[in-house]
């Protein structure tokens, strides 16, 4: 669904950053799919994943 970047939050912690085009952000179906994706990714753990919040 798009590119995800490794970034730093305001406290210097590593986070995943996924830019979303404003037109997609306005689409309720896209937002629902995006939120489902976030929920799935929060359950993923391993050496190649960022810390979950």
PDB file of N, CA and C in Angstrom:
ATOM      1  N   UNK A   1       0.809  -1.206   0.000  1.00  0.00           N
ATOM      2  CA  UNK A   1       0.000   0.000   0.000  1.00  0.00           C
ATOM      3  C   UNK A   1       0.845   1.260   0.000  1.00  0.00           C
ATOM      4  N   UNK A   2       2.136   1.156   0.018  1.00  0.00           N
ATOM      5  CA  UNK A   2       2.954   2.355  -0.019  1.00  0.00           C
ATOM      6  C   UNK A   2       4.312   2.125   0.603  1.00  0.00           C
ATOM      7  N   UNK A   3       5.104   3.165   0.577  1.00  0.00           N
ATOM      8  CA  UNK A   3       6.449   3.111   1.127  1.00  0.00           C
ATOM      9  C   UNK A   3       6.423   3.480   2.600  1.00  0.00           C
ATOM     10  N   UNK A   4       7.191   2.757   3.400  1.00  0.00           N
ATOM     11  CA  UNK A   4       7.313   3.036   4.820  1.00  0.00           C
ATOM     12  C   UNK A   4       8.765   3.384   5.096  1.00  0.00           C
ATOM     13  N   UNK A   5       8.972   4.463   5.831  1.00  0.00           N
ATOM     14  CA  UNK A   5      10.311   4.932   6.145  1.00  0.00           C
ATOM     15  C   UNK A   5      10.597   4.761   7.632  1.00  0.00           C
ATOM     16  N   UNK A   6      11.860   4.484   7.961  1.00  0.00           N
ATOM     17  CA  UNK A   6      12.294   4.510   9.354  1.00  0.00           C
ATOM     18  C   UNK A   6      12.573   5.965   9.691  1.00  0.00           C
ATOM     19  N   UNK A   7      12.068   6.419  10.832  1.00  0.00           N
ATOM     20  CA  UNK A   7      12.234   7.818  11.234  1.00  0.00           C
ATOM     21  C   UNK A   7      12.443   7.875  12.746  1.00  0.00           C
ATOM     22  N   UNK A   8      12.682   9.063  13.247  1.00  0.00           N
ATOM     23  CA  UNK A   8      12.830   9.281  14.683  1.00  0.00           C
ATOM     24  C   UNK A   8      11.688  10.150  15.176  1.00  0.00           C
ATOM     25  N   UNK A   9      11.128   9.787  16.341  1.00  0.00           N
ATOM     26  CA  UNK A   9      10.075  10.611  16.919  1.00  0.00           C
ATOM     27  C   UNK A   9      10.700  11.770  17.691  1.00  0.00           C
ATOM     28  N   UNK A  10       9.901  12.565  18.351  1.00  0.00           N
ATOM     29  CA  UNK A  10      10.380  13.742  19.075  1.00  0.00           C
ATOM     30  C   UNK A  10      11.339  13.441  20.209  1.00  0.00           C
ATOM     31  N   UNK A  11      11.303  12.196  20.719  1.00  0.00           N
ATOM     32  CA  UNK A  11      12.200  11.809  21.805  1.00  0.00           C
ATOM     33  C   UNK A  11      13.397  11.003  21.296  1.00  0.00           C
ATOM     34  N   UNK A  12      13.547  10.902  19.994  1.00  0.00           N
ATOM     35  CA  UNK A  12      14.677  10.173  19.420  1.00  0.00           C
ATOM     36  C   UNK A  12      14.436   8.685  19.252  1.00  0.00           C
ATOM     37  N   UNK A  13      13.212   8.218  19.506  1.00  0.00           N
ATOM     38  CA  UNK A  13      12.891   6.799  19.327  1.00  0.00           C
ATOM     39  C   UNK A  13      12.606   6.485  17.874  1.00  0.00           C
ATOM     40  N   UNK A  14      12.914   5.267  17.471  1.00  0.00           N
ATOM     41  CA  UNK A  14      12.658   4.854  16.090  1.00  0.00           C
ATOM     42  C   UNK A  14      11.170   4.582  15.887  1.00  0.00           C
ATOM     43  N   UNK A  15      10.639   5.073  14.788  1.00  0.00           N
ATOM     44  CA  UNK A  15       9.237   4.862  14.422  1.00  0.00           C
ATOM     45  C   UNK A  15       9.147   4.581  12.931  1.00  0.00           C
ATOM     46  N   UNK A  16       8.023   4.030  12.523  1.00  0.00           N
ATOM     47  CA  UNK A  16       7.744   3.834  11.104  1.00  0.00           C
ATOM     48  C   UNK A  16       6.905   5.020  10.631  1.00  0.00           C
ATOM     49  N   UNK A  17       7.265   5.563   9.487  1.00  0.00           N
ATOM     50  CA  UNK A  17       6.564   6.718   8.918  1.00  0.00           C
ATOM     51  C   UNK A  17       6.053   6.333   7.536  1.00  0.00           C
ATOM     52  N   UNK A  18       4.744   6.452   7.355  1.00  0.00           N
ATOM     53  CA  UNK A  18       4.129   6.116   6.071  1.00  0.00           C
ATOM     54  C   UNK A  18       3.322   7.316   5.595  1.00  0.00           C
ATOM     55  N   UNK A  19       3.888   8.091   4.675  1.00  0.00           N
ATOM     56  CA  UNK A  19       3.139   9.249   4.159  1.00  0.00           C
ATOM     57  C   UNK A  19       1.896   8.798   3.383  1.00  0.00           C
ATOM     58  N   UNK A  20       0.815   9.552   3.555  1.00  0.00           N
ATOM     59  CA  UNK A  20      -0.445   9.249   2.879  1.00  0.00           C
ATOM     60  C   UNK A  20      -0.880  10.488   2.110  1.00  0.00           C
ATOM     61  N   UNK A  21      -1.196  10.297   0.847  1.00  0.00           N
ATOM     62  CA  UNK A  21      -1.665  11.401   0.009  1.00  0.00           C
ATOM     63  C   UNK A  21      -2.978  11.937   0.579  1.00  0.00           C
ATOM     64  N   UNK A  22      -3.161  13.264   0.627  1.00  0.00           N
ATOM     65  CA  UNK A  22      -4.381  13.847   1.199  1.00  0.00           C
ATOM     66  C   UNK A  22      -5.678  13.305   0.583  1.00  0.00           C
ATOM     67  N   UNK A  23      -5.672  13.025  -0.714  1.00  0.00           N
ATOM     68  CA  UNK A  23      -6.885  12.482  -1.341  1.00  0.00           C
ATOM     69  C   UNK A  23      -7.223  11.110  -0.776  1.00  0.00           C
ATOM     70  N   UNK A  24      -6.208  10.294  -0.517  1.00  0.00           N
ATOM     71  CA  UNK A  24      -6.457   8.976   0.073  1.00  0.00           C
ATOM     72  C   UNK A  24      -6.904   9.119   1.517  1.00  0.00           C
ATOM     73  N   UNK A  25      -6.308  10.043   2.249  1.00  0.00           N
ATOM     74  CA  UNK A  25      -6.668  10.245   3.653  1.00  0.00           C
ATOM     75  C   UNK A  25      -8.132  10.659   3.797  1.00  0.00           C
ATOM     76  N   UNK A  26      -8.702  11.255   2.766  1.00  0.00           N
ATOM     77  CA  UNK A  26     -10.097  11.691   2.805  1.00  0.00           C
ATOM     78  C   UNK A  26     -11.073  10.559   2.472  1.00  0.00           C
ATOM     79  N   UNK A  27     -10.550   9.428   2.010  1.00  0.00           N
ATOM     80  CA  UNK A  27     -11.386   8.299   1.596  1.00  0.00           C
ATOM     81  C   UNK A  27     -11.643   7.375   2.796  1.00  0.00           C
ATOM     82  N   UNK A  28     -12.900   7.246   3.251  1.00  0.00           N
ATOM     83  CA  UNK A  28     -13.199   6.413   4.419  1.00  0.00           C
ATOM     84  C   UNK A  28     -12.767   4.952   4.256  1.00  0.00           C
ATOM     85  N   UNK A  29     -12.893   4.398   3.057  1.00  0.00           N
ATOM     86  CA  UNK A  29     -12.480   3.011   2.832  1.00  0.00           C
ATOM     87  C   UNK A  29     -10.967   2.872   2.972  1.00  0.00           C
ATOM     88  N   UNK A  30     -10.224   3.835   2.445  1.00  0.00           N
ATOM     89  CA  UNK A  30      -8.768   3.797   2.580  1.00  0.00           C
ATOM     90  C   UNK A  30      -8.371   3.899   4.045  1.00  0.00           C
ATOM     91  N   UNK A  31      -9.010   4.821   4.783  1.00  0.00           N
ATOM     92  CA  UNK A  31      -8.675   4.990   6.211  1.00  0.00           C
ATOM     93  C   UNK A  31      -8.951   3.714   6.994  1.00  0.00           C
ATOM     94  N   UNK A  32     -10.054   3.048   6.704  1.00  0.00           N
ATOM     95  CA  UNK A  32     -10.375   1.797   7.398  1.00  0.00           C
ATOM     96  C   UNK A  32      -9.319   0.735   7.090  1.00  0.00           C
ATOM     97  N   UNK A  33      -8.926   0.624   5.832  1.00  0.00           N
ATOM     98  CA  UNK A  33      -7.893  -0.342   5.444  1.00  0.00           C
ATOM     99  C   UNK A  33      -6.558  -0.007   6.100  1.00  0.00           C
ATOM    100  N   UNK A  34      -6.228   1.272   6.147  1.00  0.00           N
ATOM    101  CA  UNK A  34      -4.984   1.733   6.766  1.00  0.00           C
ATOM    102  C   UNK A  34      -4.975   1.380   8.259  1.00  0.00           C
ATOM    103  N   UNK A  35      -6.080   1.611   8.955  1.00  0.00           N
ATOM    104  CA  UNK A  35      -6.168   1.295  10.381  1.00  0.00           C
ATOM    105  C   UNK A  35      -6.064  -0.208  10.624  1.00  0.00           C
ATOM    106  N   UNK A  36      -6.642  -1.017   9.732  1.00  0.00           N
ATOM    107  CA  UNK A  36      -6.491  -2.472   9.857  1.00  0.00           C
ATOM    108  C   UNK A  36      -5.023  -2.864   9.691  1.00  0.00           C
ATOM    109  N   UNK A  37      -4.369  -2.257   8.720  1.00  0.00           N
ATOM    110  CA  UNK A  37      -2.948  -2.538   8.480  1.00  0.00           C
ATOM    111  C   UNK A  37      -2.112  -2.177   9.710  1.00  0.00           C
ATOM    112  N   UNK A  38      -2.390  -1.040  10.310  1.00  0.00           N
ATOM    113  CA  UNK A  38      -1.665  -0.627  11.517  1.00  0.00           C
ATOM    114  C   UNK A  38      -1.874  -1.653  12.627  1.00  0.00           C
ATOM    115  N   UNK A  39      -3.100  -2.125  12.806  1.00  0.00           N
ATOM    116  CA  UNK A  39      -3.382  -3.125  13.830  1.00  0.00           C
ATOM    117  C   UNK A  39      -2.599  -4.409  13.609  1.00  0.00           C
ATOM    118  N   UNK A  40      -2.516  -4.848  12.362  1.00  0.00           N
ATOM    119  CA  UNK A  40      -1.754  -6.064  12.045  1.00  0.00           C
ATOM    120  C   UNK A  40      -0.272  -5.827  12.326  1.00  0.00           C
ATOM    121  N   UNK A  41       0.247  -4.717  11.888  1.00  0.00           N
ATOM    122  CA  UNK A  41       1.677  -4.443  12.061  1.00  0.00           C
ATOM    123  C   UNK A  41       2.068  -4.273  13.528  1.00  0.00           C
ATOM    124  N   UNK A  42       1.156  -3.825  14.363  1.00  0.00           N
ATOM    125  CA  UNK A  42       1.458  -3.714  15.799  1.00  0.00           C
ATOM    126  C   UNK A  42       1.674  -5.076  16.442  1.00  0.00           C
ATOM    127  N   UNK A  43       1.132  -6.118  15.828  1.00  0.00           N
ATOM    128  CA  UNK A  43       1.290  -7.469  16.377  1.00  0.00           C
ATOM    129  C   UNK A  43       2.549  -8.164  15.856  1.00  0.00           C
ATOM    130  N   UNK A  44       3.231  -7.553  14.903  1.00  0.00           N
ATOM    131  CA  UNK A  44       4.440  -8.143  14.328  1.00  0.00           C
ATOM    132  C   UNK A  44       5.635  -7.778  15.203  1.00  0.00           C
ATOM    133  N   UNK A  45       6.455  -8.767  15.507  1.00  0.00           N
ATOM    134  CA  UNK A  45       7.668  -8.516  16.285  1.00  0.00           C
ATOM    135  C   UNK A  45       8.802  -9.320  15.673  1.00  0.00           C
ATOM    136  N   UNK A  46       9.992  -8.810  15.783  1.00  0.00           N
ATOM    137  CA  UNK A  46      11.154  -9.518  15.271  1.00  0.00           C
ATOM    138  C   UNK A  46      12.311  -8.574  15.071  1.00  0.00           C
ATOM    139  N   UNK A  47      13.459  -9.102  14.692  1.00  0.00           N
ATOM    140  CA  UNK A  47      14.653  -8.271  14.558  1.00  0.00           C
ATOM    141  C   UNK A  47      14.546  -7.207  13.455  1.00  0.00           C
ATOM    142  N   UNK A  48      13.691  -7.428  12.472  1.00  0.00           N
ATOM    143  CA  UNK A  48      13.548  -6.463  11.390  1.00  0.00           C
ATOM    144  C   UNK A  48      12.417  -5.482  11.595  1.00  0.00           C
ATOM    145  N   UNK A  49      11.762  -5.500  12.742  1.00  0.00           N
ATOM    146  CA  UNK A  49      10.622  -4.616  12.974  1.00  0.00           C
ATOM    147  C   UNK A  49      10.966  -3.550  14.008  1.00  0.00           C
ATOM    148  N   UNK A  50      10.274  -2.426  13.908  1.00  0.00           N
ATOM    149  CA  UNK A  50      10.441  -1.357  14.875  1.00  0.00           C
ATOM    150  C   UNK A  50       9.609  -1.655  16.106  1.00  0.00           C
ATOM    151  N   UNK A  51       9.945  -1.009  17.221  1.00  0.00           N
ATOM    152  CA  UNK A  51       9.203  -1.209  18.459  1.00  0.00           C
ATOM    153  C   UNK A  51       7.751  -0.802  18.294  1.00  0.00           C
ATOM    154  N   UNK A  52       6.847  -1.614  18.819  1.00  0.00           N
ATOM    155  CA  UNK A  52       5.405  -1.332  18.711  1.00  0.00           C
ATOM    156  C   UNK A  52       4.981  -0.373  19.804  1.00  0.00           C
ATOM    157  N   UNK A  53       4.005   0.497  19.507  1.00  0.00           N
ATOM    158  CA  UNK A  53       3.427   1.422  20.494  1.00  0.00           C
ATOM    159  C   UNK A  53       1.965   1.193  20.598  1.00  0.00           C
TER     160      UNK A  53
END
